[in-house]
Amino acid sequence: MRTLIYALHSGQLFGTERMALATVSGLRDRYRPVLLAPAGPVHEAAAMLGIESRVTHGPSQQAREYWSLLRGQRQAWLMTTGVSQALQAAALAPLARCRLAHIHMVHGGTDERLSYGRKRLLGPLPIKLVAVSRFVRERLLAHGCRDDRIAVIENFVTEPLPSEPQRPQPEQVSDVAVVSRIDPIKRVDLLLSAISREPALHRLQFDLYGSGSDLERLREAVGMMPNVRFMGFVPDAAQRLADYDLLLHTCPEEPFGLAILEAMARHVPVLVPNSGGAGDLVKDELDGFHFAANCPGRLAQRLLEVAELPAARRAEVAEAGFAQLTTRFSSQRGLSAYRDLLEEMTP
């Protein structure tokens, strides 16, 4: 069976890594997947799925793993997330006399130059860039990447979808979840500012799942807000969303926002900024709700409006979001797009 190498620049289990596992798992009907990644929980998750994974301790180890997989192969299929990984593979493949069908995944990130600008280095090579959203594609174009080298394949949810919500919508929203890295670009501070401005929000409980560089600073800033809890990184945060009445997403420049789909999968309504990849996932008042990005006052106002909507109205919006998972964000559609692209790239 044909070998599909998926090289990750992180061994964590955030959205990028979860989508890598979902993708290679879904492509096992045609390929033998091998995951390369630094040490981290992604390897345990891969083992649970029966996917071969190898730990890469730096560039030298990465090169050795590439060589062992490429040598003796007439052709191989490769997906990468880091520019250095992509360049290294492109240099080694001719030495191994192996032709590569090479896709470079662009999930975006907190650093504009690293997340988008450096992708121009791949321009002279026969590599296809896969943007996980239209927003990511726009950022790549803004940094000079070639339009004809970019394909948009949106993320998807692969878990079994429950046909019914695990609990009915309450009469009023009381428990709100935020699932996000706690980094400055994610703008979790908007929520704290909104609560400071609007005392009525103190009746809502906000649980924030995630870790990051801004965590300790924001924990200190919470001060007299007993209704805000920082839960830290929790591996099963997606499963816990079923216990909440609303998912709030605050990042105005989010490349995608996998947690939004994970909330939709549990029939939970979502409130997101009207910008970035997150804003593009949701149609306001149809399958989710928008608030004016970067504005704590409008966030406070919108939180109260959604919280006080009739339960039937929130349920209607949540069901419309759930329906998107069987069409636009279905695993069948996403995996079919990857199969087609890998075949198209076959040397």
C-alpha atoms as a PDB file:
ATOM      1  CA  MET A   1       0.000   0.000   0.000  1.00  0.00           C
ATOM      2  CA  ARG A   2       1.184   3.527  -0.741  1.00  0.00           C
ATOM      3  CA  THR A   3       2.940   5.360   2.116  1.00  0.00           C
ATOM      4  CA  LEU A   4       1.478   8.668   3.306  1.00  0.00           C
ATOM      5  CA  ILE A   5       3.831  10.591   5.594  1.00  0.00           C
ATOM      6  CA  TYR A   6       2.295  13.338   7.718  1.00  0.00           C
ATOM      7  CA  ALA A   7       5.009  15.506   9.303  1.00  0.00           C
ATOM      8  CA  LEU A   8       3.844  17.740  12.153  1.00  0.00           C
ATOM      9  CA  HIS A   9       5.867  20.585  13.651  1.00  0.00           C
ATOM     10  CA  SER A  10       4.191  20.023  17.056  1.00  0.00           C
ATOM     11  CA  GLY A  11       3.489  16.967  19.153  1.00  0.00           C
ATOM     12  CA  GLN A  12       0.597  18.575  21.002  1.00  0.00           C
ATOM     13  CA  LEU A  13      -3.079  17.784  20.524  1.00  0.00           C
ATOM     14  CA  PHE A  14      -4.539  21.103  19.412  1.00  0.00           C
ATOM     15  CA  GLY A  15      -6.654  21.611  16.299  1.00  0.00           C
ATOM     16  CA  THR A  16      -3.799  21.085  13.810  1.00  0.00           C
ATOM     17  CA  GLU A  17      -2.781  17.768  15.351  1.00  0.00           C
ATOM     18  CA  ARG A  18      -6.355  16.533  15.783  1.00  0.00           C
ATOM     19  CA  MET A  19      -7.097  17.258  12.132  1.00  0.00           C
ATOM     20  CA  ALA A  20      -3.907  15.455  11.068  1.00  0.00           C
ATOM     21  CA  LEU A  21      -5.050  12.342  12.934  1.00  0.00           C
ATOM     22  CA  ALA A  22      -8.550  12.602  11.490  1.00  0.00           C
ATOM     23  CA  THR A  23      -7.179  13.007   7.964  1.00  0.00           C
ATOM     24  CA  VAL A  24      -4.712  10.111   7.930  1.00  0.00           C
ATOM     25  CA  SER A  25      -7.193   7.879   9.735  1.00  0.00           C
ATOM     26  CA  GLY A  26      -9.794   8.612   7.069  1.00  0.00           C
ATOM     27  CA  LEU A  27      -7.333   7.936   4.231  1.00  0.00           C
ATOM     28  CA  ARG A  28      -6.254   4.477   5.409  1.00  0.00           C
ATOM     29  CA  ASP A  29      -8.365   2.873   2.696  1.00  0.00           C
ATOM     30  CA  ARG A  30      -5.744   3.983   0.147  1.00  0.00           C
ATOM     31  CA  TYR A  31      -2.593   4.798   2.100  1.00  0.00           C
ATOM     32  CA  ARG A  32      -0.413   3.478   4.902  1.00  0.00           C
ATOM     33  CA  PRO A  33      -0.059   6.520   7.163  1.00  0.00           C
ATOM     34  CA  VAL A  34       3.082   7.303   9.146  1.00  0.00           C
ATOM     35  CA  LEU A  35       2.995  10.280  11.504  1.00  0.00           C
ATOM     36  CA  LEU A  36       6.225  12.184  12.261  1.00  0.00           C
ATOM     37  CA  ALA A  37       6.078  14.626  15.185  1.00  0.00           C
ATOM     38  CA  PRO A  38       8.036  15.864  18.195  1.00  0.00           C
ATOM     39  CA  ALA A  39       7.331  14.156  21.504  1.00  0.00           C
ATOM     40  CA  GLY A  40       3.868  14.861  22.877  1.00  0.00           C
ATOM     41  CA  PRO A  41       0.352  13.513  23.375  1.00  0.00           C
ATOM     42  CA  VAL A  42      -0.301  13.213  19.638  1.00  0.00           C
ATOM     43  CA  HIS A  43       1.675   9.945  19.649  1.00  0.00           C
ATOM     44  CA  GLU A  44      -0.550   8.362  22.287  1.00  0.00           C
ATOM     45  CA  ALA A  45      -3.613   9.489  20.328  1.00  0.00           C
ATOM     46  CA  ALA A  46      -2.134   7.982  17.150  1.00  0.00           C
ATOM     47  CA  ALA A  47      -1.488   4.661  18.919  1.00  0.00           C
ATOM     48  CA  MET A  48      -5.103   4.533  20.081  1.00  0.00           C
ATOM     49  CA  LEU A  49      -6.164   4.859  16.433  1.00  0.00           C
ATOM     50  CA  GLY A  50      -3.702   2.210  15.269  1.00  0.00           C
ATOM     51  CA  ILE A  51      -1.617   4.758  13.340  1.00  0.00           C
ATOM     52  CA  GLU A  52       2.162   4.346  13.189  1.00  0.00           C
ATOM     53  CA  SER A  53       3.982   7.375  14.601  1.00  0.00           C
ATOM     54  CA  ARG A  54       7.648   8.237  15.070  1.00  0.00           C
ATOM     55  CA  VAL A  55       9.103  10.816  17.460  1.00  0.00           C
ATOM     56  CA  THR A  56      11.369  13.394  15.810  1.00  0.00           C
ATOM     57  CA  HIS A  57      13.910  15.052  18.096  1.00  0.00           C
ATOM     58  CA  GLY A  58      14.988  17.979  15.952  1.00  0.00           C
ATOM     59  CA  PRO A  59      15.967  18.362  12.281  1.00  0.00           C
ATOM     60  CA  SER A  60      18.568  15.571  12.263  1.00  0.00           C
ATOM     61  CA  GLN A  61      16.103  12.984  13.528  1.00  0.00           C
ATOM     62  CA  GLN A  62      13.482  14.307  11.119  1.00  0.00           C
ATOM     63  CA  ALA A  63      15.929  13.833   8.228  1.00  0.00           C
ATOM     64  CA  ARG A  64      16.754  10.274   9.304  1.00  0.00           C
ATOM     65  CA  GLU A  65      13.066   9.366   9.450  1.00  0.00           C
ATOM     66  CA  TYR A  66      12.441  10.916   6.049  1.00  0.00           C
ATOM     67  CA  TRP A  67      15.376   8.986   4.595  1.00  0.00           C
ATOM     68  CA  SER A  68      14.237   5.657   6.002  1.00  0.00           C
ATOM     69  CA  LEU A  69      10.740   6.187   4.582  1.00  0.00           C
ATOM     70  CA  LEU A  70      11.734   7.575   1.177  1.00  0.00           C
ATOM     71  CA  ARG A  71      14.715   5.385   0.327  1.00  0.00           C
ATOM     72  CA  GLY A  72      13.730   2.479  -1.865  1.00  0.00           C
ATOM     73  CA  GLN A  73      10.363   4.020  -2.750  1.00  0.00           C
ATOM     74  CA  ARG A  74       9.691   5.076  -6.327  1.00  0.00           C
ATOM     75  CA  GLN A  75       7.140   7.577  -5.055  1.00  0.00           C
ATOM     76  CA  ALA A  76       5.617   8.682  -1.774  1.00  0.00           C
ATOM     77  CA  TRP A  77       2.898  10.979  -0.558  1.00  0.00           C
ATOM     78  CA  LEU A  78       3.712  13.669   1.981  1.00  0.00           C
ATOM     79  CA  MET A  79       1.805  16.221   4.036  1.00  0.00           C
ATOM     80  CA  THR A  80       3.738  18.787   6.098  1.00  0.00           C
ATOM     81  CA  THR A  81       2.866  21.641   8.463  1.00  0.00           C
ATOM     82  CA  GLY A  82       6.282  23.308   8.912  1.00  0.00           C
ATOM     83  CA  VAL A  83       8.233  25.088   6.176  1.00  0.00           C
ATOM     84  CA  SER A  84      11.567  23.611   7.317  1.00  0.00           C
ATOM     85  CA  GLN A  85      10.038  20.114   7.184  1.00  0.00           C
ATOM     86  CA  ALA A  86       8.792  20.749   3.658  1.00  0.00           C
ATOM     87  CA  LEU A  87      12.149  22.076   2.427  1.00  0.00           C
ATOM     88  CA  GLN A  88      14.037  19.199   4.041  1.00  0.00           C
ATOM     89  CA  ALA A  89      11.817  16.597   2.383  1.00  0.00           C
ATOM     90  CA  ALA A  90      12.071  18.345  -0.978  1.00  0.00           C
ATOM     91  CA  ALA A  91      15.886  18.200  -0.737  1.00  0.00           C
ATOM     92  CA  LEU A  92      16.060  14.567   0.380  1.00  0.00           C
ATOM     93  CA  ALA A  93      13.572  13.058  -2.072  1.00  0.00           C
ATOM     94  CA  PRO A  94      15.787  13.419  -5.190  1.00  0.00           C
ATOM     95  CA  LEU A  95      18.743  11.915  -3.272  1.00  0.00           C
ATOM     96  CA  ALA A  96      16.523   8.965  -2.339  1.00  0.00           C
ATOM     97  CA  ARG A  97      15.331   8.778  -5.970  1.00  0.00           C
ATOM     98  CA  CYS A  98      11.781   9.112  -4.743  1.00  0.00           C
ATOM     99  CA  ARG A  99       9.139  11.279  -6.370  1.00  0.00           C
ATOM    100  CA  LEU A 100       6.915  13.158  -3.945  1.00  0.00           C
ATOM    101  CA  ALA A 101       3.277  14.160  -4.076  1.00  0.00           C
ATOM    102  CA  HIS A 102       3.663  16.954  -1.550  1.00  0.00           C
ATOM    103  CA  ILE A 103       0.884  18.900   0.185  1.00  0.00           C
ATOM    104  CA  HIS A 104       1.738  21.625   2.681  1.00  0.00           C
ATOM    105  CA  MET A 105      -0.976  22.283   5.260  1.00  0.00           C
ATOM    106  CA  VAL A 106      -1.578  25.879   6.315  1.00  0.00           C
ATOM    107  CA  HIS A 107      -3.618  26.092   9.510  1.00  0.00           C
ATOM    108  CA  GLY A 108      -2.536  29.642  10.323  1.00  0.00           C
ATOM    109  CA  GLY A 109      -1.384  30.773  13.744  1.00  0.00           C
ATOM    110  CA  THR A 110      -0.449  33.617  16.052  1.00  0.00           C
ATOM    111  CA  ASP A 111       2.562  34.920  14.078  1.00  0.00           C
ATOM    112  CA  GLU A 112       1.682  36.436  10.699  1.00  0.00           C
ATOM    113  CA  ARG A 113       5.168  36.043   9.251  1.00  0.00           C
ATOM    114  CA  LEU A 114       5.685  32.465  10.412  1.00  0.00           C
ATOM    115  CA  SER A 115       2.127  31.365   9.707  1.00  0.00           C
ATOM    116  CA  TYR A 116       1.769  32.881   6.234  1.00  0.00           C
ATOM    117  CA  GLY A 117       4.779  34.930   5.109  1.00  0.00           C
ATOM    118  CA  ARG A 118       7.341  32.108   5.121  1.00  0.00           C
ATOM    119  CA  LYS A 119       5.121  29.965   2.882  1.00  0.00           C
ATOM    120  CA  ARG A 120       6.454  31.977  -0.068  1.00  0.00           C
ATOM    121  CA  LEU A 121       9.686  29.994   0.285  1.00  0.00           C
ATOM    122  CA  LEU A 122       7.827  26.976  -1.080  1.00  0.00           C
ATOM    123  CA  GLY A 123       6.777  28.831  -4.243  1.00  0.00           C
ATOM    124  CA  PRO A 124       9.504  27.450  -6.585  1.00  0.00           C
ATOM    125  CA  LEU A 125       8.763  23.855  -5.531  1.00  0.00           C
ATOM    126  CA  PRO A 126       6.010  21.554  -6.861  1.00  0.00           C
ATOM    127  CA  ILE A 127       4.087  21.775  -3.591  1.00  0.00           C
ATOM    128  CA  LYS A 128       0.381  22.504  -3.177  1.00  0.00           C
ATOM    129  CA  LEU A 129      -0.645  24.688  -0.239  1.00  0.00           C
ATOM    130  CA  VAL A 130      -3.863  23.634   1.484  1.00  0.00           C
ATOM    131  CA  ALA A 131      -5.569  26.511   3.304  1.00  0.00           C
ATOM    132  CA  VAL A 132      -8.071  25.325   5.925  1.00  0.00           C
ATOM    133  CA  SER A 133     -10.337  28.331   5.333  1.00  0.00           C
ATOM    134  CA  ARG A 134     -10.959  31.156   2.896  1.00  0.00           C
ATOM    135  CA  PHE A 135      -9.470  33.518   5.490  1.00  0.00           C
ATOM    136  CA  VAL A 136      -6.205  31.540   5.459  1.00  0.00           C
ATOM    137  CA  ARG A 137      -6.178  31.664   1.658  1.00  0.00           C
ATOM    138  CA  GLU A 138      -6.569  35.444   1.764  1.00  0.00           C
ATOM    139  CA  ARG A 139      -3.628  35.770   4.163  1.00  0.00           C
ATOM    140  CA  LEU A 140      -1.449  33.600   1.916  1.00  0.00           C
ATOM    141  CA  LEU A 141      -2.315  35.725  -1.116  1.00  0.00           C
ATOM    142  CA  ALA A 142      -1.573  38.882   0.865  1.00  0.00           C
ATOM    143  CA  HIS A 143       1.936  37.532   1.504  1.00  0.00           C
ATOM    144  CA  GLY A 144       2.623  36.815  -2.147  1.00  0.00           C
ATOM    145  CA  CYS A 145       1.799  33.131  -2.452  1.00  0.00           C
ATOM    146  CA  ARG A 146       0.586  32.052  -5.878  1.00  0.00           C
ATOM    147  CA  ASP A 147      -3.155  31.625  -6.264  1.00  0.00           C
ATOM    148  CA  ASP A 148      -2.779  28.583  -8.512  1.00  0.00           C
ATOM    149  CA  ARG A 149      -0.785  26.814  -5.777  1.00  0.00           C
ATOM    150  CA  ILE A 150      -3.500  27.180  -3.105  1.00  0.00           C
ATOM    151  CA  ALA A 151      -6.424  24.837  -2.502  1.00  0.00           C
ATOM    152  CA  VAL A 152      -9.015  25.434   0.220  1.00  0.00           C
ATOM    153  CA  ILE A 153     -10.092  22.325   2.139  1.00  0.00           C
ATOM    154  CA  GLU A 154     -11.973  23.195   5.295  1.00  0.00           C
ATOM    155  CA  ASN A 155     -11.616  21.228   8.511  1.00  0.00           C
ATOM    156  CA  PHE A 156     -14.266  18.705   9.439  1.00  0.00           C
ATOM    157  CA  VAL A 157     -15.558  16.615  12.328  1.00  0.00           C
ATOM    158  CA  THR A 158     -15.089  12.857  12.154  1.00  0.00           C
ATOM    159  CA  GLU A 159     -16.611  11.741  15.441  1.00  0.00           C
ATOM    160  CA  PRO A 160     -20.042  10.068  15.393  1.00  0.00           C
ATOM    161  CA  LEU A 161     -22.670  12.798  15.390  1.00  0.00           C
ATOM    162  CA  PRO A 162     -25.494  12.455  17.935  1.00  0.00           C
ATOM    163  CA  SER A 163     -28.853  12.839  16.220  1.00  0.00           C
ATOM    164  CA  GLU A 164     -30.308  14.592  19.262  1.00  0.00           C
ATOM    165  CA  PRO A 165     -28.852  17.065  21.772  1.00  0.00           C
ATOM    166  CA  GLN A 166     -27.743  15.518  25.038  1.00  0.00           C
ATOM    167  CA  ARG A 167     -29.892  17.998  26.924  1.00  0.00           C
ATOM    168  CA  PRO A 168     -32.524  20.535  25.893  1.00  0.00           C
ATOM    169  CA  GLN A 169     -31.797  24.221  25.632  1.00  0.00           C
ATOM    170  CA  PRO A 170     -32.464  25.873  29.029  1.00  0.00           C
ATOM    171  CA  GLU A 171     -34.894  28.758  29.402  1.00  0.00           C
ATOM    172  CA  GLN A 172     -31.913  31.083  29.774  1.00  0.00           C
ATOM    173  CA  VAL A 173     -28.203  30.646  29.120  1.00  0.00           C
ATOM    174  CA  SER A 174     -26.246  30.171  32.332  1.00  0.00           C
ATOM    175  CA  ASP A 175     -23.071  28.221  31.406  1.00  0.00           C
ATOM    176  CA  VAL A 176     -20.721  29.450  28.671  1.00  0.00           C
ATOM    177  CA  ALA A 177     -17.585  27.665  27.461  1.00  0.00           C
ATOM    178  CA  VAL A 178     -14.505  29.128  25.792  1.00  0.00           C
ATOM    179  CA  VAL A 179     -12.070  26.654  24.198  1.00  0.00           C
ATOM    180  CA  SER A 180      -8.952  28.457  23.031  1.00  0.00           C
ATOM    181  CA  ARG A 181      -5.253  28.890  23.493  1.00  0.00           C
ATOM    182  CA  ILE A 182      -4.773  31.686  26.003  1.00  0.00           C
ATOM    183  CA  ASP A 183      -2.483  33.828  23.826  1.00  0.00           C
ATOM    184  CA  PRO A 184      -2.792  37.593  23.183  1.00  0.00           C
ATOM    185  CA  ILE A 185      -4.004  37.169  19.584  1.00  0.00           C
ATOM    186  CA  LYS A 186      -6.914  35.034  20.794  1.00  0.00           C
ATOM    187  CA  ARG A 187      -8.338  38.101  22.605  1.00  0.00           C
ATOM    188  CA  VAL A 188      -9.745  36.214  25.594  1.00  0.00           C
ATOM    189  CA  ASP A 189      -9.226  39.500  27.426  1.00  0.00           C
ATOM    190  CA  LEU A 190     -12.286  40.822  25.536  1.00  0.00           C
ATOM    191  CA  LEU A 191     -14.485  38.630  27.707  1.00  0.00           C
ATOM    192  CA  LEU A 192     -12.997  39.983  30.940  1.00  0.00           C
ATOM    193  CA  SER A 193     -13.462  43.547  29.688  1.00  0.00           C
ATOM    194  CA  ALA A 194     -17.061  42.783  28.712  1.00  0.00           C
ATOM    195  CA  ILE A 195     -17.818  41.410  32.185  1.00  0.00           C
ATOM    196  CA  SER A 196     -16.230  44.476  33.814  1.00  0.00           C
ATOM    197  CA  ARG A 197     -18.442  46.753  31.710  1.00  0.00           C
ATOM    198  CA  GLU A 198     -21.711  44.889  32.154  1.00  0.00           C
ATOM    199  CA  PRO A 199     -22.703  43.751  35.686  1.00  0.00           C
ATOM    200  CA  ALA A 200     -25.578  41.665  34.273  1.00  0.00           C
ATOM    201  CA  LEU A 201     -23.000  39.216  32.895  1.00  0.00           C
ATOM    202  CA  HIS A 202     -22.066  38.204  36.437  1.00  0.00           C
ATOM    203  CA  ARG A 203     -25.044  35.850  36.456  1.00  0.00           C
ATOM    204  CA  LEU A 204     -23.398  33.747  33.719  1.00  0.00           C
ATOM    205  CA  GLN A 205     -20.694  31.168  34.448  1.00  0.00           C
ATOM    206  CA  PHE A 206     -17.724  31.278  32.047  1.00  0.00           C
ATOM    207  CA  ASP A 207     -15.336  28.311  31.874  1.00  0.00           C
ATOM    208  CA  LEU A 208     -12.191  28.822  29.786  1.00  0.00           C
ATOM    209  CA  TYR A 209     -10.367  25.714  28.528  1.00  0.00           C
ATOM    210  CA  GLY A 210      -6.828  26.109  27.268  1.00  0.00           C
ATOM    211  CA  SER A 211      -3.305  27.185  28.120  1.00  0.00           C
ATOM    212  CA  GLY A 212      -0.915  29.727  26.700  1.00  0.00           C
ATOM    213  CA  SER A 213       1.373  32.692  27.280  1.00  0.00           C
ATOM    214  CA  ASP A 214      -1.433  34.953  28.538  1.00  0.00           C
ATOM    215  CA  LEU A 215      -2.863  32.505  31.079  1.00  0.00           C
ATOM    216  CA  GLU A 216      -1.232  33.763  34.280  1.00  0.00           C
ATOM    217  CA  ARG A 217      -1.766  37.433  33.413  1.00  0.00           C
ATOM    218  CA  LEU A 218      -5.456  36.885  32.768  1.00  0.00           C
ATOM    219  CA  ARG A 219      -5.859  34.744  35.857  1.00  0.00           C
ATOM    220  CA  GLU A 220      -4.588  37.689  37.893  1.00  0.00           C
ATOM    221  CA  ALA A 221      -6.869  40.069  35.980  1.00  0.00           C
ATOM    222  CA  VAL A 222      -9.949  38.013  36.873  1.00  0.00           C
ATOM    223  CA  GLY A 223      -9.779  39.441  40.404  1.00  0.00           C
ATOM    224  CA  MET A 224     -13.339  39.881  41.613  1.00  0.00           C
ATOM    225  CA  MET A 225     -14.955  37.742  38.920  1.00  0.00           C
ATOM    226  CA  PRO A 226     -15.958  34.507  40.656  1.00  0.00           C
ATOM    227  CA  ASN A 227     -18.014  33.566  37.606  1.00  0.00           C
ATOM    228  CA  VAL A 228     -14.856  33.105  35.483  1.00  0.00           C
ATOM    229  CA  ARG A 229     -12.836  29.899  35.782  1.00  0.00           C
ATOM    230  CA  PHE A 230      -9.644  29.037  33.935  1.00  0.00           C
ATOM    231  CA  MET A 231      -9.720  25.261  33.521  1.00  0.00           C
ATOM    232  CA  GLY A 232      -6.312  24.897  31.799  1.00  0.00           C
ATOM    233  CA  PHE A 233      -5.669  22.490  28.955  1.00  0.00           C
ATOM    234  CA  VAL A 234      -8.097  19.561  29.141  1.00  0.00           C
ATOM    235  CA  PRO A 235      -7.737  16.771  26.521  1.00  0.00           C
ATOM    236  CA  ASP A 236     -11.474  16.025  26.499  1.00  0.00           C
ATOM    237  CA  ALA A 237     -12.644  19.653  26.295  1.00  0.00           C
ATOM    238  CA  ALA A 238     -14.634  18.862  23.136  1.00  0.00           C
ATOM    239  CA  GLN A 239     -16.648  16.209  24.962  1.00  0.00           C
ATOM    240  CA  ARG A 240     -17.331  18.588  27.847  1.00  0.00           C
ATOM    241  CA  LEU A 241     -19.020  21.095  25.534  1.00  0.00           C
ATOM    242  CA  ALA A 242     -22.253  19.111  25.774  1.00  0.00           C
ATOM    243  CA  ASP A 243     -22.595  20.416  29.361  1.00  0.00           C
ATOM    244  CA  TYR A 244     -22.747  24.064  28.226  1.00  0.00           C
ATOM    245  CA  ASP A 245     -25.474  26.325  26.892  1.00  0.00           C
ATOM    246  CA  LEU A 246     -23.221  28.365  24.583  1.00  0.00           C
ATOM    247  CA  LEU A 247     -19.718  28.335  23.088  1.00  0.00           C
ATOM    248  CA  LEU A 248     -18.010  31.724  22.910  1.00  0.00           C
ATOM    249  CA  HIS A 249     -15.095  32.259  20.518  1.00  0.00           C
ATOM    250  CA  THR A 250     -13.229  35.574  20.850  1.00  0.00           C
ATOM    251  CA  CYS A 251     -10.352  35.549  18.323  1.00  0.00           C
ATOM    252  CA  PRO A 252     -10.892  38.094  15.490  1.00  0.00           C
ATOM    253  CA  GLU A 253      -8.123  36.550  13.349  1.00  0.00           C
ATOM    254  CA  GLU A 254      -8.861  32.876  13.935  1.00  0.00           C
ATOM    255  CA  PRO A 255      -7.689  30.827  10.933  1.00  0.00           C
ATOM    256  CA  PHE A 256     -10.512  28.329  11.429  1.00  0.00           C
ATOM    257  CA  GLY A 257     -11.761  27.391  14.909  1.00  0.00           C
ATOM    258  CA  LEU A 258     -12.244  23.631  15.240  1.00  0.00           C
ATOM    259  CA  ALA A 259     -13.916  24.073  18.646  1.00  0.00           C
ATOM    260  CA  ILE A 260     -16.789  25.781  16.828  1.00  0.00           C
ATOM    261  CA  LEU A 261     -17.510  22.606  14.857  1.00  0.00           C
ATOM    262  CA  GLU A 262     -17.115  20.519  18.007  1.00  0.00           C
ATOM    263  CA  ALA A 263     -19.780  22.636  19.718  1.00  0.00           C
ATOM    264  CA  MET A 264     -22.077  22.346  16.702  1.00  0.00           C
ATOM    265  CA  ALA A 265     -21.633  18.556  16.850  1.00  0.00           C
ATOM    266  CA  ARG A 266     -23.125  18.648  20.342  1.00  0.00           C
ATOM    267  CA  HIS A 267     -26.067  20.845  19.345  1.00  0.00           C
ATOM    268  CA  VAL A 268     -24.593  23.800  21.276  1.00  0.00           C
ATOM    269  CA  PRO A 269     -25.092  27.304  19.787  1.00  0.00           C
ATOM    270  CA  VAL A 270     -21.990  29.388  19.101  1.00  0.00           C
ATOM    271  CA  LEU A 271     -21.158  33.094  19.367  1.00  0.00           C
ATOM    272  CA  VAL A 272     -18.140  34.213  17.306  1.00  0.00           C
ATOM    273  CA  PRO A 273     -16.551  37.453  16.001  1.00  0.00           C
ATOM    274  CA  ASN A 274     -17.758  38.794  12.672  1.00  0.00           C
ATOM    275  CA  SER A 275     -14.237  38.496  11.210  1.00  0.00           C
ATOM    276  CA  GLY A 276     -11.537  35.950  10.451  1.00  0.00           C
ATOM    277  CA  GLY A 277     -12.027  32.291   9.768  1.00  0.00           C
ATOM    278  CA  ALA A 278     -14.394  31.900  12.712  1.00  0.00           C
ATOM    279  CA  GLY A 279     -16.728  34.553  11.347  1.00  0.00           C
ATOM    280  CA  ASP A 280     -16.740  32.802   7.986  1.00  0.00           C
ATOM    281  CA  LEU A 281     -17.864  29.525   9.566  1.00  0.00           C
ATOM    282  CA  VAL A 282     -21.071  31.034  10.923  1.00  0.00           C
ATOM    283  CA  LYS A 283     -23.975  32.880   9.341  1.00  0.00           C
ATOM    284  CA  ASP A 284     -25.335  35.305  11.915  1.00  0.00           C
ATOM    285  CA  GLU A 285     -28.780  34.399  13.269  1.00  0.00           C
ATOM    286  CA  LEU A 286     -28.926  31.330  10.998  1.00  0.00           C
ATOM    287  CA  ASP A 287     -26.486  28.706  12.291  1.00  0.00           C
ATOM    288  CA  GLY A 288     -24.792  30.762  14.992  1.00  0.00           C
ATOM    289  CA  PHE A 289     -24.369  34.309  16.245  1.00  0.00           C
ATOM    290  CA  HIS A 290     -21.881  37.109  15.535  1.00  0.00           C
ATOM    291  CA  PHE A 291     -20.581  39.965  17.648  1.00  0.00           C
ATOM    292  CA  ALA A 292     -18.533  42.967  16.508  1.00  0.00           C
ATOM    293  CA  ALA A 293     -14.903  41.815  16.624  1.00  0.00           C
ATOM    294  CA  ASN A 294     -12.515  43.446  19.116  1.00  0.00           C
ATOM    295  CA  CYS A 295     -15.323  45.375  20.859  1.00  0.00           C
ATOM    296  CA  PRO A 296     -15.956  44.367  24.504  1.00  0.00           C
ATOM    297  CA  GLY A 297     -19.055  46.567  24.702  1.00  0.00           C
ATOM    298  CA  ARG A 298     -20.700  44.859  21.734  1.00  0.00           C
ATOM    299  CA  LEU A 299     -19.618  41.470  23.045  1.00  0.00           C
ATOM    300  CA  ALA A 300     -21.340  42.196  26.367  1.00  0.00           C
ATOM    301  CA  GLN A 301     -24.485  43.339  24.587  1.00  0.00           C
ATOM    302  CA  ARG A 302     -24.556  40.295  22.310  1.00  0.00           C
ATOM    303  CA  LEU A 303     -23.953  37.851  25.155  1.00  0.00           C
ATOM    304  CA  LEU A 304     -26.986  39.231  26.978  1.00  0.00           C
ATOM    305  CA  GLU A 305     -29.116  39.179  23.818  1.00  0.00           C
ATOM    306  CA  VAL A 306     -28.295  35.539  23.093  1.00  0.00           C
ATOM    307  CA  ALA A 307     -28.655  34.543  26.747  1.00  0.00           C
ATOM    308  CA  GLU A 308     -32.178  35.957  26.850  1.00  0.00           C
ATOM    309  CA  LEU A 309     -33.411  34.497  23.564  1.00  0.00           C
ATOM    310  CA  PRO A 310     -36.238  31.959  23.894  1.00  0.00           C
ATOM    311  CA  ALA A 311     -34.941  28.417  24.268  1.00  0.00           C
ATOM    312  CA  ALA A 312     -36.717  27.390  21.078  1.00  0.00           C
ATOM    313  CA  ARG A 313     -34.896  30.063  19.087  1.00  0.00           C
ATOM    314  CA  ARG A 314     -31.478  29.025  20.398  1.00  0.00           C
ATOM    315  CA  ALA A 315     -32.308  25.391  19.672  1.00  0.00           C
ATOM    316  CA  GLU A 316     -33.268  26.325  16.108  1.00  0.00           C
ATOM    317  CA  VAL A 317     -29.920  28.034  15.528  1.00  0.00           C
ATOM    318  CA  ALA A 318     -28.028  25.140  17.139  1.00  0.00           C
ATOM    319  CA  GLU A 319     -29.774  22.626  14.869  1.00  0.00           C
ATOM    320  CA  ALA A 320     -28.890  24.685  11.809  1.00  0.00           C
ATOM    321  CA  GLY A 321     -25.252  24.610  12.944  1.00  0.00           C
ATOM    322  CA  PHE A 322     -25.431  20.853  13.436  1.00  0.00           C
ATOM    323  CA  ALA A 323     -26.815  20.455   9.915  1.00  0.00           C
ATOM    324  CA  GLN A 324     -23.671  22.103   8.507  1.00  0.00           C
ATOM    325  CA  LEU A 325     -21.649  19.147   9.776  1.00  0.00           C
ATOM    326  CA  THR A 326     -23.446  16.819   7.386  1.00  0.00           C
ATOM    327  CA  THR A 327     -22.864  19.071   4.378  1.00  0.00           C
ATOM    328  CA  ARG A 328     -20.201  21.788   4.343  1.00  0.00           C
ATOM    329  CA  PHE A 329     -18.096  20.332   7.194  1.00  0.00           C
ATOM    330  CA  SER A 330     -18.711  16.628   6.652  1.00  0.00           C
ATOM    331  CA  SER A 331     -15.782  14.223   6.911  1.00  0.00           C
ATOM    332  CA  GLN A 332     -16.902  12.603   3.654  1.00  0.00           C
ATOM    333  CA  ARG A 333     -16.540  15.888   1.794  1.00  0.00           C
ATOM    334  CA  GLY A 334     -13.197  16.781   3.383  1.00  0.00           C
ATOM    335  CA  LEU A 335     -11.595  13.365   2.918  1.00  0.00           C
ATOM    336  CA  SER A 336     -12.821  13.180  -0.668  1.00  0.00           C
ATOM    337  CA  ALA A 337     -11.126  16.519  -1.358  1.00  0.00           C
ATOM    338  CA  TYR A 338      -7.837  15.219   0.093  1.00  0.00           C
ATOM    339  CA  ARG A 339      -8.047  11.998  -1.914  1.00  0.00           C
ATOM    340  CA  ASP A 340      -8.617  13.954  -5.112  1.00  0.00           C
ATOM    341  CA  LEU A 341      -5.760  16.371  -4.390  1.00  0.00           C
ATOM    342  CA  LEU A 342      -3.296  13.596  -3.518  1.00  0.00           C
ATOM    343  CA  GLU A 343      -4.188  11.822  -6.755  1.00  0.00           C
ATOM    344  CA  GLU A 344      -3.818  15.064  -8.689  1.00  0.00           C
ATOM    345  CA  MET A 345      -0.357  15.585  -7.152  1.00  0.00           C
ATOM    346  CA  THR A 346       0.806  12.012  -7.866  1.00  0.00           C
ATOM    347  CA  PRO A 347       4.054  12.299  -9.875  1.00  0.00           C
END
